[in-house]
Amino acid sequence: MNIEIQVENIKCGGCAGTIKKNLLKDSRVSGVDVDIEQGVVKIDATEGVRDDFSDVLLKMGYPETGTTEGIAAAKAKAKSFVSCAVGKVDNMVNK
């Protein structure tokens, strides 16, 4: 099943790499594609798990568009900056 989730805070390939790496750890996921420009995460996974992955993305700092405001949005943005930095370091190490 293809799941598409529009998220906030995706800025670069580091963000995309972190998202892919973390989602692919789940045995229910067979593939992940991240459209950085559109802010869309596409997940090939078993049925009935969309909300689970929306929660995982939120915990990583990439909340579904329109689901966080105020302090929660600021926290998510801060988490995404860390996630982005980790992704960039991973990309440099793996080259």
PDB file of N, CA and C in Angstrom:
ATOM      1  N   MET A   1       0.846  -1.173   0.000  1.00  0.00           N
ATOM      2  CA  MET A   1       0.000   0.000   0.000  1.00  0.00           C
ATOM      3  C   MET A   1       0.891   1.235   0.000  1.00  0.00           C
ATOM      4  N   ASN A   2       0.536   2.216  -0.807  1.00  0.00           N
ATOM      5  CA  ASN A   2       1.276   3.473  -0.851  1.00  0.00           C
ATOM      6  C   ASN A   2       0.625   4.481   0.079  1.00  0.00           C
ATOM      7  N   ILE A   3       1.431   5.057   0.950  1.00  0.00           N
ATOM      8  CA  ILE A   3       0.973   6.067   1.897  1.00  0.00           C
ATOM      9  C   ILE A   3       1.718   7.351   1.567  1.00  0.00           C
ATOM     10  N   GLU A   4       0.998   8.453   1.441  1.00  0.00           N
ATOM     11  CA  GLU A   4       1.630   9.753   1.239  1.00  0.00           C
ATOM     12  C   GLU A   4       1.275  10.652   2.408  1.00  0.00           C
ATOM     13  N   ILE A   5       2.306  11.240   3.007  1.00  0.00           N
ATOM     14  CA  ILE A   5       2.090  12.150   4.127  1.00  0.00           C
ATOM     15  C   ILE A   5       2.811  13.454   3.827  1.00  0.00           C
ATOM     16  N   GLN A   6       2.059  14.534   3.779  1.00  0.00           N
ATOM     17  CA  GLN A   6       2.626  15.875   3.583  1.00  0.00           C
ATOM     18  C   GLN A   6       3.144  16.339   4.950  1.00  0.00           C
ATOM     19  N   VAL A   7       4.438  16.657   5.021  1.00  0.00           N
ATOM     20  CA  VAL A   7       5.031  17.038   6.296  1.00  0.00           C
ATOM     21  C   VAL A   7       5.724  18.391   6.217  1.00  0.00           C
ATOM     22  N   GLU A   8       6.020  18.935   7.366  1.00  0.00           N
ATOM     23  CA  GLU A   8       6.729  20.206   7.483  1.00  0.00           C
ATOM     24  C   GLU A   8       8.194  19.955   7.834  1.00  0.00           C
ATOM     25  N   ASN A   9       9.021  20.947   7.601  1.00  0.00           N
ATOM     26  CA  ASN A   9      10.416  21.004   8.067  1.00  0.00           C
ATOM     27  C   ASN A   9      11.421  20.216   7.241  1.00  0.00           C
ATOM     28  N   ILE A  10      11.047  19.616   6.114  1.00  0.00           N
ATOM     29  CA  ILE A  10      12.044  18.948   5.282  1.00  0.00           C
ATOM     30  C   ILE A  10      12.801  20.027   4.520  1.00  0.00           C
ATOM     31  N   LYS A  11      14.114  20.065   4.709  1.00  0.00           N
ATOM     32  CA  LYS A  11      14.913  21.125   4.112  1.00  0.00           C
ATOM     33  C   LYS A  11      15.933  20.637   3.096  1.00  0.00           C
ATOM     34  N   CYS A  12      16.411  19.390   3.250  1.00  0.00           N
ATOM     35  CA  CYS A  12      17.526  18.966   2.407  1.00  0.00           C
ATOM     36  C   CYS A  12      17.619  17.442   2.328  1.00  0.00           C
ATOM     37  N   GLY A  13      18.648  16.991   1.647  1.00  0.00           N
ATOM     38  CA  GLY A  13      18.893  15.568   1.522  1.00  0.00           C
ATOM     39  C   GLY A  13      19.216  14.897   2.849  1.00  0.00           C
ATOM     40  N   GLY A  14      19.781  15.669   3.773  1.00  0.00           N
ATOM     41  CA  GLY A  14      20.053  15.114   5.106  1.00  0.00           C
ATOM     42  C   GLY A  14      18.764  14.762   5.823  1.00  0.00           C
ATOM     43  N   CYS A  15      17.785  15.659   5.709  1.00  0.00           N
ATOM     44  CA  CYS A  15      16.463  15.388   6.304  1.00  0.00           C
ATOM     45  C   CYS A  15      15.860  14.131   5.660  1.00  0.00           C
ATOM     46  N   ALA A  16      15.902  14.102   4.324  1.00  0.00           N
ATOM     47  CA  ALA A  16      15.329  12.970   3.597  1.00  0.00           C
ATOM     48  C   ALA A  16      16.015  11.665   3.992  1.00  0.00           C
ATOM     49  N   GLY A  17      17.345  11.704   4.115  1.00  0.00           N
ATOM     50  CA  GLY A  17      18.092  10.502   4.499  1.00  0.00           C
ATOM     51  C   GLY A  17      17.718   9.998   5.882  1.00  0.00           C
ATOM     52  N   THR A  18      17.556  10.918   6.812  1.00  0.00           N
ATOM     53  CA  THR A  18      17.168  10.535   8.171  1.00  0.00           C
ATOM     54  C   THR A  18      15.774   9.915   8.179  1.00  0.00           C
ATOM     55  N   ILE A  19      14.861  10.509   7.435  1.00  0.00           N
ATOM     56  CA  ILE A  19      13.497   9.979   7.363  1.00  0.00           C
ATOM     57  C   ILE A  19      13.514   8.572   6.785  1.00  0.00           C
ATOM     58  N   LYS A  20      14.202   8.389   5.664  1.00  0.00           N
ATOM     59  CA  LYS A  20      14.271   7.071   5.025  1.00  0.00           C
ATOM     60  C   LYS A  20      14.870   6.036   5.974  1.00  0.00           C
ATOM     61  N   LYS A  21      16.002   6.383   6.550  1.00  0.00           N
ATOM     62  CA  LYS A  21      16.713   5.454   7.440  1.00  0.00           C
ATOM     63  C   LYS A  21      15.818   4.995   8.590  1.00  0.00           C
ATOM     64  N   ASN A  22      15.124   5.933   9.218  1.00  0.00           N
ATOM     65  CA  ASN A  22      14.299   5.577  10.374  1.00  0.00           C
ATOM     66  C   ASN A  22      13.044   4.807   9.988  1.00  0.00           C
ATOM     67  N   LEU A  23      12.400   5.177   8.893  1.00  0.00           N
ATOM     68  CA  LEU A  23      11.191   4.461   8.490  1.00  0.00           C
ATOM     69  C   LEU A  23      11.502   3.055   7.985  1.00  0.00           C
ATOM     70  N   LEU A  24      12.635   2.886   7.319  1.00  0.00           N
ATOM     71  CA  LEU A  24      12.999   1.571   6.795  1.00  0.00           C
ATOM     72  C   LEU A  24      13.373   0.562   7.891  1.00  0.00           C
ATOM     73  N   LYS A  25      13.555   1.043   9.111  1.00  0.00           N
ATOM     74  CA  LYS A  25      13.806   0.134  10.233  1.00  0.00           C
ATOM     75  C   LYS A  25      12.567  -0.687  10.579  1.00  0.00           C
ATOM     76  N   ASP A  26      11.402  -0.191  10.191  1.00  0.00           N
ATOM     77  CA  ASP A  26      10.132  -0.848  10.495  1.00  0.00           C
ATOM     78  C   ASP A  26       9.883  -1.966   9.482  1.00  0.00           C
ATOM     79  N   SER A  27       9.633  -3.165   9.958  1.00  0.00           N
ATOM     80  CA  SER A  27       9.445  -4.314   9.073  1.00  0.00           C
ATOM     81  C   SER A  27       8.204  -4.192   8.187  1.00  0.00           C
ATOM     82  N   ARG A  28       7.313  -3.295   8.507  1.00  0.00           N
ATOM     83  CA  ARG A  28       6.103  -3.112   7.690  1.00  0.00           C
ATOM     84  C   ARG A  28       6.364  -2.234   6.470  1.00  0.00           C
ATOM     85  N   VAL A  29       7.564  -1.671   6.384  1.00  0.00           N
ATOM     86  CA  VAL A  29       7.915  -0.747   5.304  1.00  0.00           C
ATOM     87  C   VAL A  29       8.799  -1.455   4.284  1.00  0.00           C
ATOM     88  N   SER A  30       8.403  -1.356   3.008  1.00  0.00           N
ATOM     89  CA  SER A  30       9.228  -1.944   1.951  1.00  0.00           C
ATOM     90  C   SER A  30       9.945  -0.889   1.119  1.00  0.00           C
ATOM     91  N   GLY A  31       9.564   0.380   1.281  1.00  0.00           N
ATOM     92  CA  GLY A  31      10.232   1.443   0.553  1.00  0.00           C
ATOM     93  C   GLY A  31       9.801   2.814   1.035  1.00  0.00           C
ATOM     94  N   VAL A  32      10.690   3.793   0.864  1.00  0.00           N
ATOM     95  CA  VAL A  32      10.398   5.168   1.265  1.00  0.00           C
ATOM     96  C   VAL A  32      10.983   6.104   0.209  1.00  0.00           C
ATOM     97  N   ASP A  33      10.199   7.102  -0.181  1.00  0.00           N
ATOM     98  CA  ASP A  33      10.671   8.140  -1.083  1.00  0.00           C
ATOM     99  C   ASP A  33      10.298   9.482  -0.460  1.00  0.00           C
ATOM    100  N   VAL A  34      11.228  10.420  -0.483  1.00  0.00           N
ATOM    101  CA  VAL A  34      10.973  11.736   0.098  1.00  0.00           C
ATOM    102  C   VAL A  34      11.135  12.790  -0.992  1.00  0.00           C
ATOM    103  N   ASP A  35      10.073  13.556  -1.226  1.00  0.00           N
ATOM    104  CA  ASP A  35      10.108  14.681  -2.156  1.00  0.00           C
ATOM    105  C   ASP A  35      10.392  15.928  -1.326  1.00  0.00           C
ATOM    106  N   ILE A  36      11.629  16.369  -1.372  1.00  0.00           N
ATOM    107  CA  ILE A  36      12.068  17.496  -0.540  1.00  0.00           C
ATOM    108  C   ILE A  36      11.319  18.777  -0.910  1.00  0.00           C
ATOM    109  N   GLU A  37      11.206  19.049  -2.193  1.00  0.00           N
ATOM    110  CA  GLU A  37      10.568  20.290  -2.640  1.00  0.00           C
ATOM    111  C   GLU A  37       9.096  20.374  -2.244  1.00  0.00           C
ATOM    112  N   GLN A  38       8.389  19.254  -2.340  1.00  0.00           N
ATOM    113  CA  GLN A  38       6.954  19.236  -2.028  1.00  0.00           C
ATOM    114  C   GLN A  38       6.679  18.923  -0.561  1.00  0.00           C
ATOM    115  N   GLY A  39       7.685  18.424   0.162  1.00  0.00           N
ATOM    116  CA  GLY A  39       7.491  18.056   1.561  1.00  0.00           C
ATOM    117  C   GLY A  39       6.606  16.837   1.725  1.00  0.00           C
ATOM    118  N   VAL A  40       6.755  15.883   0.807  1.00  0.00           N
ATOM    119  CA  VAL A  40       5.913  14.687   0.833  1.00  0.00           C
ATOM    120  C   VAL A  40       6.778  13.455   1.093  1.00  0.00           C
ATOM    121  N   VAL A  41       6.316  12.633   2.036  1.00  0.00           N
ATOM    122  CA  VAL A  41       6.957  11.356   2.324  1.00  0.00           C
ATOM    123  C   VAL A  41       6.036  10.273   1.790  1.00  0.00           C
ATOM    124  N   LYS A  42       6.574   9.442   0.893  1.00  0.00           N
ATOM    125  CA  LYS A  42       5.812   8.338   0.311  1.00  0.00           C
ATOM    126  C   LYS A  42       6.359   7.045   0.894  1.00  0.00           C
ATOM    127  N   ILE A  43       5.469   6.262   1.464  1.00  0.00           N
ATOM    128  CA  ILE A  43       5.872   5.042   2.160  1.00  0.00           C
ATOM    129  C   ILE A  43       5.157   3.855   1.548  1.00  0.00           C
ATOM    130  N   ASP A  44       5.905   2.826   1.146  1.00  0.00           N
ATOM    131  CA  ASP A  44       5.317   1.560   0.726  1.00  0.00           C
ATOM    132  C   ASP A  44       5.267   0.686   1.964  1.00  0.00           C
ATOM    133  N   ALA A  45       4.046   0.425   2.448  1.00  0.00           N
ATOM    134  CA  ALA A  45       3.895  -0.307   3.712  1.00  0.00           C
ATOM    135  C   ALA A  45       2.595  -1.096   3.717  1.00  0.00           C
ATOM    136  N   THR A  46       2.444  -1.902   4.746  1.00  0.00           N
ATOM    137  CA  THR A  46       1.218  -2.663   4.916  1.00  0.00           C
ATOM    138  C   THR A  46       0.061  -1.716   5.211  1.00  0.00           C
ATOM    139  N   GLU A  47      -1.144  -2.200   5.022  1.00  0.00           N
ATOM    140  CA  GLU A  47      -2.338  -1.363   5.230  1.00  0.00           C
ATOM    141  C   GLU A  47      -2.567  -1.053   6.705  1.00  0.00           C
ATOM    142  N   GLY A  48      -3.258   0.049   6.936  1.00  0.00           N
ATOM    143  CA  GLY A  48      -3.696   0.398   8.280  1.00  0.00           C
ATOM    144  C   GLY A  48      -2.629   0.948   9.203  1.00  0.00           C
ATOM    145  N   VAL A  49      -1.525   1.465   8.636  1.00  0.00           N
ATOM    146  CA  VAL A  49      -0.429   1.938   9.489  1.00  0.00           C
ATOM    147  C   VAL A  49      -0.104   3.423   9.289  1.00  0.00           C
ATOM    148  N   ARG A  50      -0.914   4.124   8.541  1.00  0.00           N
ATOM    149  CA  ARG A  50      -0.638   5.522   8.228  1.00  0.00           C
ATOM    150  C   ARG A  50      -0.438   6.354   9.501  1.00  0.00           C
ATOM    151  N   ASP A  51      -1.347   6.216  10.466  1.00  0.00           N
ATOM    152  CA  ASP A  51      -1.246   7.001  11.697  1.00  0.00           C
ATOM    153  C   ASP A  51       0.026   6.686  12.469  1.00  0.00           C
ATOM    154  N   ASP A  52       0.456   5.424  12.443  1.00  0.00           N
ATOM    155  CA  ASP A  52       1.705   5.044  13.108  1.00  0.00           C
ATOM    156  C   ASP A  52       2.877   5.827  12.531  1.00  0.00           C
ATOM    157  N   PHE A  53       2.937   5.911  11.201  1.00  0.00           N
ATOM    158  CA  PHE A  53       4.059   6.594  10.560  1.00  0.00           C
ATOM    159  C   PHE A  53       3.961   8.104  10.693  1.00  0.00           C
ATOM    160  N   SER A  54       2.756   8.620  10.745  1.00  0.00           N
ATOM    161  CA  SER A  54       2.580  10.048  11.007  1.00  0.00           C
ATOM    162  C   SER A  54       3.143  10.393  12.383  1.00  0.00           C
ATOM    163  N   ASP A  55       2.903   9.522  13.368  1.00  0.00           N
ATOM    164  CA  ASP A  55       3.443   9.715  14.714  1.00  0.00           C
ATOM    165  C   ASP A  55       4.971   9.616  14.732  1.00  0.00           C
ATOM    166  N   VAL A  56       5.526   8.658  13.989  1.00  0.00           N
ATOM    167  CA  VAL A  56       6.982   8.498  13.919  1.00  0.00           C
ATOM    168  C   VAL A  56       7.618   9.747  13.313  1.00  0.00           C
ATOM    169  N   LEU A  57       7.029  10.240  12.236  1.00  0.00           N
ATOM    170  CA  LEU A  57       7.550  11.452  11.604  1.00  0.00           C
ATOM    171  C   LEU A  57       7.491  12.640  12.550  1.00  0.00           C
ATOM    172  N   LEU A  58       6.406  12.769  13.304  1.00  0.00           N
ATOM    173  CA  LEU A  58       6.282  13.846  14.288  1.00  0.00           C
ATOM    174  C   LEU A  58       7.397  13.766  15.323  1.00  0.00           C
ATOM    175  N   LYS A  59       7.668  12.572  15.824  1.00  0.00           N
ATOM    176  CA  LYS A  59       8.713  12.392  16.835  1.00  0.00           C
ATOM    177  C   LYS A  59      10.098  12.742  16.298  1.00  0.00           C
ATOM    178  N   MET A  60      10.284  12.594  14.968  1.00  0.00           N
ATOM    179  CA  MET A  60      11.565  12.950  14.346  1.00  0.00           C
ATOM    180  C   MET A  60      11.654  14.445  14.063  1.00  0.00           C
ATOM    181  N   GLY A  61      10.522  15.167  14.183  1.00  0.00           N
ATOM    182  CA  GLY A  61      10.525  16.603  13.922  1.00  0.00           C
ATOM    183  C   GLY A  61       9.900  16.983  12.595  1.00  0.00           C
ATOM    184  N   TYR A  62       9.191  16.041  11.978  1.00  0.00           N
ATOM    185  CA  TYR A  62       8.547  16.285  10.690  1.00  0.00           C
ATOM    186  C   TYR A  62       7.046  16.026  10.817  1.00  0.00           C
ATOM    187  N   PRO A  63       6.332  16.951  11.458  1.00  0.00           N
ATOM    188  CA  PRO A  63       4.895  16.743  11.681  1.00  0.00           C
ATOM    189  C   PRO A  63       4.103  16.838  10.376  1.00  0.00           C
ATOM    190  N   GLU A  64       3.007  16.108  10.337  1.00  0.00           N
ATOM    191  CA  GLU A  64       2.109  16.209   9.201  1.00  0.00           C
ATOM    192  C   GLU A  64       1.622  17.654   9.108  1.00  0.00           C
ATOM    193  N   THR A  65       1.595  18.183   7.907  1.00  0.00           N
ATOM    194  CA  THR A  65       1.209  19.577   7.682  1.00  0.00           C
ATOM    195  C   THR A  65      -0.134  19.878   8.347  1.00  0.00           C
ATOM    196  N   GLY A  66      -0.149  20.956   9.128  1.00  0.00           N
ATOM    197  CA  GLY A  66      -1.378  21.408   9.764  1.00  0.00           C
ATOM    198  C   GLY A  66      -1.718  20.740  11.082  1.00  0.00           C
ATOM    199  N   THR A  67      -0.822  19.912  11.611  1.00  0.00           N
ATOM    200  CA  THR A  67      -1.147  19.192  12.849  1.00  0.00           C
ATOM    201  C   THR A  67      -0.502  19.779  14.095  1.00  0.00           C
ATOM    202  N   THR A  68       0.447  20.693  13.941  1.00  0.00           N
ATOM    203  CA  THR A  68       1.096  21.273  15.119  1.00  0.00           C
ATOM    204  C   THR A  68       1.077  22.795  15.033  1.00  0.00           C
ATOM    205  N   GLU A  69       0.984  23.421  16.196  1.00  0.00           N
ATOM    206  CA  GLU A  69       0.993  24.878  16.290  1.00  0.00           C
ATOM    207  C   GLU A  69       1.796  25.297  17.510  1.00  0.00           C
ATOM    208  N   GLY A  70       2.175  26.549  17.538  1.00  0.00           N
ATOM    209  CA  GLY A  70       2.809  27.140  18.708  1.00  0.00           C
ATOM    210  C   GLY A  70       4.039  26.406  19.177  1.00  0.00           C
ATOM    211  N   ILE A  71       4.063  26.094  20.471  1.00  0.00           N
ATOM    212  CA  ILE A  71       5.223  25.438  21.098  1.00  0.00           C
ATOM    213  C   ILE A  71       5.500  24.088  20.452  1.00  0.00           C
ATOM    214  N   ALA A  72       4.464  23.318  20.148  1.00  0.00           N
ATOM    215  CA  ALA A  72       4.650  21.998  19.529  1.00  0.00           C
ATOM    216  C   ALA A  72       5.334  22.147  18.173  1.00  0.00           C
ATOM    217  N   ALA A  73       4.955  23.153  17.409  1.00  0.00           N
ATOM    218  CA  ALA A  73       5.587  23.386  16.110  1.00  0.00           C
ATOM    219  C   ALA A  73       7.051  23.789  16.280  1.00  0.00           C
ATOM    220  N   ALA A  74       7.329  24.617  17.276  1.00  0.00           N
ATOM    221  CA  ALA A  74       8.711  25.037  17.544  1.00  0.00           C
ATOM    222  C   ALA A  74       9.571  23.847  17.960  1.00  0.00           C
ATOM    223  N   LYS A  75       9.029  22.969  18.790  1.00  0.00           N
ATOM    224  CA  LYS A  75       9.762  21.765  19.196  1.00  0.00           C
ATOM    225  C   LYS A  75      10.043  20.869  17.994  1.00  0.00           C
ATOM    226  N   ALA A  76       9.042  20.702  17.139  1.00  0.00           N
ATOM    227  CA  ALA A  76       9.214  19.871  15.950  1.00  0.00           C
ATOM    228  C   ALA A  76      10.292  20.453  15.050  1.00  0.00           C
ATOM    229  N   LYS A  77      10.291  21.763  14.894  1.00  0.00           N
ATOM    230  CA  LYS A  77      11.293  22.412  14.047  1.00  0.00           C
ATOM    231  C   LYS A  77      12.691  22.206  14.620  1.00  0.00           C
ATOM    232  N   ALA A  78      12.839  22.311  15.932  1.00  0.00           N
ATOM    233  CA  ALA A  78      14.134  22.087  16.571  1.00  0.00           C
ATOM    234  C   ALA A  78      14.603  20.649  16.356  1.00  0.00           C
ATOM    235  N   LYS A  79      13.698  19.691  16.508  1.00  0.00           N
ATOM    236  CA  LYS A  79      14.051  18.285  16.279  1.00  0.00           C
ATOM    237  C   LYS A  79      14.471  18.061  14.840  1.00  0.00           C
ATOM    238  N   SER A  80      13.778  18.719  13.905  1.00  0.00           N
ATOM    239  CA  SER A  80      14.116  18.526  12.495  1.00  0.00           C
ATOM    240  C   SER A  80      15.509  19.068  12.185  1.00  0.00           C
ATOM    241  N   PHE A  81      15.926  20.148  12.835  1.00  0.00           N
ATOM    242  CA  PHE A  81      17.271  20.680  12.624  1.00  0.00           C
ATOM    243  C   PHE A  81      18.318  19.657  13.062  1.00  0.00           C
ATOM    244  N   VAL A  82      18.090  19.014  14.185  1.00  0.00           N
ATOM    245  CA  VAL A  82      19.018  17.980  14.664  1.00  0.00           C
ATOM    246  C   VAL A  82      19.015  16.799  13.699  1.00  0.00           C
ATOM    247  N   SER A  83      17.827  16.380  13.296  1.00  0.00           N
ATOM    248  CA  SER A  83      17.687  15.272  12.361  1.00  0.00           C
ATOM    249  C   SER A  83      18.410  15.582  11.056  1.00  0.00           C
ATOM    250  N   CYS A  84      18.258  16.795  10.577  1.00  0.00           N
ATOM    251  CA  CYS A  84      18.910  17.245   9.352  1.00  0.00           C
ATOM    252  C   CYS A  84      20.426  17.143   9.496  1.00  0.00           C
ATOM    253  N   ALA A  85      20.958  17.628  10.602  1.00  0.00           N
ATOM    254  CA  ALA A  85      22.406  17.595  10.836  1.00  0.00           C
ATOM    255  C   ALA A  85      22.926  16.167  10.891  1.00  0.00           C
ATOM    256  N   VAL A  86      22.194  15.292  11.556  1.00  0.00           N
ATOM    257  CA  VAL A  86      22.589  13.880  11.637  1.00  0.00           C
ATOM    258  C   VAL A  86      22.603  13.262  10.240  1.00  0.00           C
ATOM    259  N   GLY A  87      21.587  13.559   9.459  1.00  0.00           N
ATOM    260  CA  GLY A  87      21.517  13.042   8.092  1.00  0.00           C
ATOM    261  C   GLY A  87      22.682  13.517   7.247  1.00  0.00           C
ATOM    262  N   LYS A  88      23.065  14.780   7.393  1.00  0.00           N
ATOM    263  CA  LYS A  88      24.196  15.318   6.636  1.00  0.00           C
ATOM    264  C   LYS A  88      25.497  14.627   7.036  1.00  0.00           C
ATOM    265  N   VAL A  89      25.692  14.415   8.318  1.00  0.00           N
ATOM    266  CA  VAL A  89      26.900  13.727   8.793  1.00  0.00           C
ATOM    267  C   VAL A  89      26.916  12.299   8.275  1.00  0.00           C
ATOM    268  N   ASP A  90      25.791  11.594   8.358  1.00  0.00           N
ATOM    269  CA  ASP A  90      25.710  10.223   7.842  1.00  0.00           C
ATOM    270  C   ASP A  90      26.065  10.173   6.356  1.00  0.00           C
ATOM    271  N   ASN A  91      25.546  11.138   5.581  1.00  0.00           N
ATOM    272  CA  ASN A  91      25.841  11.182   4.150  1.00  0.00           C
ATOM    273  C   ASN A  91      27.319  11.382   3.895  1.00  0.00           C
ATOM    274  N   MET A  92      27.987  12.240   4.678  1.00  0.00           N
ATOM    275  CA  MET A  92      29.413  12.493   4.493  1.00  0.00           C
ATOM    276  C   MET A  92      30.233  11.259   4.869  1.00  0.00           C
ATOM    277  N   VAL A  93      29.833  10.570   5.933  1.00  0.00           N
ATOM    278  CA  VAL A  93      30.568   9.390   6.386  1.00  0.00           C
ATOM    279  C   VAL A  93      30.418   8.250   5.394  1.00  0.00           C
ATOM    280  N   ASN A  94      29.260   8.110   4.790  1.00  0.00           N
ATOM    281  CA  ASN A  94      28.978   6.990   3.894  1.00  0.00           C
ATOM    282  C   ASN A  94      29.457   7.222   2.466  1.00  0.00           C
ATOM    283  N   LYS A  95      30.071   8.367   2.177  1.00  0.00           N
ATOM    284  CA  LYS A  95      30.576   8.628   0.805  1.00  0.00           C
ATOM    285  C   LYS A  95      31.923   8.013   0.604  1.00  0.00           C
TER     286      LYS A  95
END
